[in-house]
Amino acid sequence: MTEINAARTSLEDVEEALKDVIDPELGVNIVDLGLLYGLKYSDDDGALLIDMTLTTAACPLTDVLEEQVGKALDGVVDDWRLNWVWMPPWGPERITDDGKDQMRALGFNI
């Protein structure tokens, strides 16, 4: 095991940190919205690789969300890269039960 592997934050802890990233339009975190498609560490350089989507490909908030991801991961991982994924497209079936509860609390009928 290399030193990089020994010092890695668990993916569960990374996912928990990403719950601090709130979709500015819907007011629910990206994990419970189902926008997070995958997390893994690169075999090449040890960076965290994040596969993520948006509710629509035309959403203008990629910069805002990327900035929030950076703040959420500060002190959690040293290096990360975000890969925007469009297939399969996001759908409301990806929202977790917690996400649905959060949306109901905000007045959404879901």
C-alpha atoms as a PDB file:
ATOM      1  CA  MET A   1       0.000   0.000   0.000  1.00  0.00           C
ATOM      2  CA  THR A   2       1.377   3.379  -0.960  1.00  0.00           C
ATOM      3  CA  GLU A   3       1.318   6.395   1.293  1.00  0.00           C
ATOM      4  CA  ILE A   4      -1.276   7.997  -0.986  1.00  0.00           C
ATOM      5  CA  ASN A   5      -3.654   5.080  -0.496  1.00  0.00           C
ATOM      6  CA  ALA A   6      -3.087   4.994   3.260  1.00  0.00           C
ATOM      7  CA  ALA A   7      -4.035   8.669   3.655  1.00  0.00           C
ATOM      8  CA  ARG A   8      -7.163   8.612   1.501  1.00  0.00           C
ATOM      9  CA  THR A   9     -10.431   9.803   2.937  1.00  0.00           C
ATOM     10  CA  SER A  10     -13.108   7.134   2.655  1.00  0.00           C
ATOM     11  CA  LEU A  11     -15.599   7.637  -0.153  1.00  0.00           C
ATOM     12  CA  GLU A  12     -18.370   7.556   2.447  1.00  0.00           C
ATOM     13  CA  ASP A  13     -16.760  10.531   4.220  1.00  0.00           C
ATOM     14  CA  VAL A  14     -16.349  12.330   0.885  1.00  0.00           C
ATOM     15  CA  GLU A  15     -20.018  11.744   0.090  1.00  0.00           C
ATOM     16  CA  GLU A  16     -20.987  13.076   3.505  1.00  0.00           C
ATOM     17  CA  ALA A  17     -18.902  16.215   2.893  1.00  0.00           C
ATOM     18  CA  LEU A  18     -20.598  16.694  -0.474  1.00  0.00           C
ATOM     19  CA  LYS A  19     -23.958  16.896   1.293  1.00  0.00           C
ATOM     20  CA  ASP A  20     -22.878  20.479   2.082  1.00  0.00           C
ATOM     21  CA  VAL A  21     -23.184  21.306  -1.634  1.00  0.00           C
ATOM     22  CA  ILE A  22     -26.692  22.680  -2.122  1.00  0.00           C
ATOM     23  CA  ASP A  23     -28.335  23.010  -5.522  1.00  0.00           C
ATOM     24  CA  PRO A  24     -29.065  26.769  -5.628  1.00  0.00           C
ATOM     25  CA  GLU A  25     -32.331  26.360  -7.522  1.00  0.00           C
ATOM     26  CA  LEU A  26     -33.861  23.488  -5.553  1.00  0.00           C
ATOM     27  CA  GLY A  27     -32.328  24.026  -2.105  1.00  0.00           C
ATOM     28  CA  VAL A  28     -31.416  20.340  -1.655  1.00  0.00           C
ATOM     29  CA  ASN A  29     -27.932  18.849  -1.501  1.00  0.00           C
ATOM     30  CA  ILE A  30     -26.427  17.223  -4.597  1.00  0.00           C
ATOM     31  CA  VAL A  31     -26.123  13.792  -2.973  1.00  0.00           C
ATOM     32  CA  ASP A  32     -29.803  13.510  -2.031  1.00  0.00           C
ATOM     33  CA  LEU A  33     -30.848  15.007  -5.371  1.00  0.00           C
ATOM     34  CA  GLY A  34     -29.045  12.136  -7.060  1.00  0.00           C
ATOM     35  CA  LEU A  35     -26.699  14.417  -8.995  1.00  0.00           C
ATOM     36  CA  LEU A  36     -23.641  12.490  -7.825  1.00  0.00           C
ATOM     37  CA  TYR A  37     -23.033   9.625 -10.272  1.00  0.00           C
ATOM     38  CA  GLY A  38     -19.730   8.306  -8.971  1.00  0.00           C
ATOM     39  CA  LEU A  39     -16.721   8.763  -6.727  1.00  0.00           C
ATOM     40  CA  LYS A  40     -13.372   7.033  -7.072  1.00  0.00           C
ATOM     41  CA  TYR A  41      -9.703   7.709  -6.644  1.00  0.00           C
ATOM     42  CA  SER A  42      -7.463   7.893  -9.704  1.00  0.00           C
ATOM     43  CA  ASP A  43      -4.941   5.085  -9.986  1.00  0.00           C
ATOM     44  CA  ASP A  44      -2.593   7.501 -11.743  1.00  0.00           C
ATOM     45  CA  ASP A  45      -2.274  10.398  -9.314  1.00  0.00           C
ATOM     46  CA  GLY A  46      -4.570   9.584  -6.377  1.00  0.00           C
ATOM     47  CA  ALA A  47      -6.915  12.489  -7.112  1.00  0.00           C
ATOM     48  CA  LEU A  48     -10.577  12.082  -6.255  1.00  0.00           C
ATOM     49  CA  LEU A  49     -12.616  11.735  -9.440  1.00  0.00           C
ATOM     50  CA  ILE A  50     -16.198  12.963  -9.174  1.00  0.00           C
ATOM     51  CA  ASP A  51     -18.802  12.063 -11.794  1.00  0.00           C
ATOM     52  CA  MET A  52     -21.710  14.451 -11.443  1.00  0.00           C
ATOM     53  CA  THR A  53     -24.640  15.708 -13.482  1.00  0.00           C
ATOM     54  CA  LEU A  54     -27.187  18.494 -13.309  1.00  0.00           C
ATOM     55  CA  THR A  55     -30.959  18.398 -13.483  1.00  0.00           C
ATOM     56  CA  THR A  56     -30.658  19.664 -17.059  1.00  0.00           C
ATOM     57  CA  ALA A  57     -27.703  19.972 -19.414  1.00  0.00           C
ATOM     58  CA  ALA A  58     -28.680  23.606 -20.042  1.00  0.00           C
ATOM     59  CA  CYS A  59     -28.317  24.511 -16.358  1.00  0.00           C
ATOM     60  CA  PRO A  60     -26.058  27.579 -16.055  1.00  0.00           C
ATOM     61  CA  LEU A  61     -24.875  26.703 -12.533  1.00  0.00           C
ATOM     62  CA  THR A  62     -21.854  24.486 -13.248  1.00  0.00           C
ATOM     63  CA  ASP A  63     -19.418  27.140 -11.976  1.00  0.00           C
ATOM     64  CA  VAL A  64     -21.425  27.728  -8.798  1.00  0.00           C
ATOM     65  CA  LEU A  65     -21.652  24.026  -8.006  1.00  0.00           C
ATOM     66  CA  GLU A  66     -17.986  23.439  -8.814  1.00  0.00           C
ATOM     67  CA  GLU A  67     -17.030  26.224  -6.400  1.00  0.00           C
ATOM     68  CA  GLN A  68     -19.252  24.700  -3.692  1.00  0.00           C
ATOM     69  CA  VAL A  69     -17.672  21.270  -4.282  1.00  0.00           C
ATOM     70  CA  GLY A  70     -14.244  22.810  -3.789  1.00  0.00           C
ATOM     71  CA  LYS A  71     -15.294  24.413  -0.502  1.00  0.00           C
ATOM     72  CA  ALA A  72     -16.943  21.193   0.725  1.00  0.00           C
ATOM     73  CA  LEU A  73     -13.817  19.138  -0.047  1.00  0.00           C
ATOM     74  CA  ASP A  74     -11.350  21.634   1.426  1.00  0.00           C
ATOM     75  CA  GLY A  75      -9.491  19.734   4.134  1.00  0.00           C
ATOM     76  CA  VAL A  76     -11.182  16.477   3.111  1.00  0.00           C
ATOM     77  CA  VAL A  77      -9.126  15.578   0.026  1.00  0.00           C
ATOM     78  CA  ASP A  78      -5.993  17.178  -1.400  1.00  0.00           C
ATOM     79  CA  ASP A  79      -6.774  16.884  -5.098  1.00  0.00           C
ATOM     80  CA  TRP A  80     -10.024  16.342  -7.001  1.00  0.00           C
ATOM     81  CA  ARG A  81     -11.450  16.595 -10.487  1.00  0.00           C
ATOM     82  CA  LEU A  82     -15.069  17.004 -11.489  1.00  0.00           C
ATOM     83  CA  ASN A  83     -16.366  15.263 -14.595  1.00  0.00           C
ATOM     84  CA  TRP A  84     -19.752  16.473 -15.828  1.00  0.00           C
ATOM     85  CA  VAL A  85     -21.803  13.481 -16.978  1.00  0.00           C
ATOM     86  CA  TRP A  86     -24.887  13.780 -19.162  1.00  0.00           C
ATOM     87  CA  MET A  87     -25.732  10.134 -19.822  1.00  0.00           C
ATOM     88  CA  PRO A  88     -27.839   8.743 -18.417  1.00  0.00           C
ATOM     89  CA  PRO A  89     -29.760  11.961 -17.985  1.00  0.00           C
ATOM     90  CA  TRP A  90     -30.844  12.893 -14.472  1.00  0.00           C
ATOM     91  CA  GLY A  91     -34.443  12.164 -13.522  1.00  0.00           C
ATOM     92  CA  PRO A  92     -36.490  12.636 -10.334  1.00  0.00           C
ATOM     93  CA  GLU A  93     -36.305   8.888  -9.667  1.00  0.00           C
ATOM     94  CA  ARG A  94     -32.679   9.511  -8.587  1.00  0.00           C
ATOM     95  CA  ILE A  95     -33.773  11.630  -5.592  1.00  0.00           C
ATOM     96  CA  THR A  96     -33.272   9.799  -2.296  1.00  0.00           C
ATOM     97  CA  ASP A  97     -36.013   9.508   0.305  1.00  0.00           C
ATOM     98  CA  ASP A  98     -34.159  12.127   2.378  1.00  0.00           C
ATOM     99  CA  GLY A  99     -34.052  14.381  -0.682  1.00  0.00           C
ATOM    100  CA  LYS A 100     -37.794  13.981  -1.209  1.00  0.00           C
ATOM    101  CA  ASP A 101     -38.383  14.867   2.440  1.00  0.00           C
ATOM    102  CA  GLN A 102     -36.197  17.975   2.062  1.00  0.00           C
ATOM    103  CA  MET A 103     -38.072  19.006  -1.065  1.00  0.00           C
ATOM    104  CA  ARG A 104     -41.458  18.525   0.619  1.00  0.00           C
ATOM    105  CA  ALA A 105     -40.249  20.690   3.523  1.00  0.00           C
ATOM    106  CA  LEU A 106     -39.423  23.402   0.966  1.00  0.00           C
ATOM    107  CA  GLY A 107     -42.937  23.185  -0.503  1.00  0.00           C
ATOM    108  CA  PHE A 108     -42.335  20.915  -3.502  1.00  0.00           C
ATOM    109  CA  ASN A 109     -45.058  18.405  -4.272  1.00  0.00           C
ATOM    110  CA  ILE A 110     -43.018  15.254  -4.731  1.00  0.00           C
END
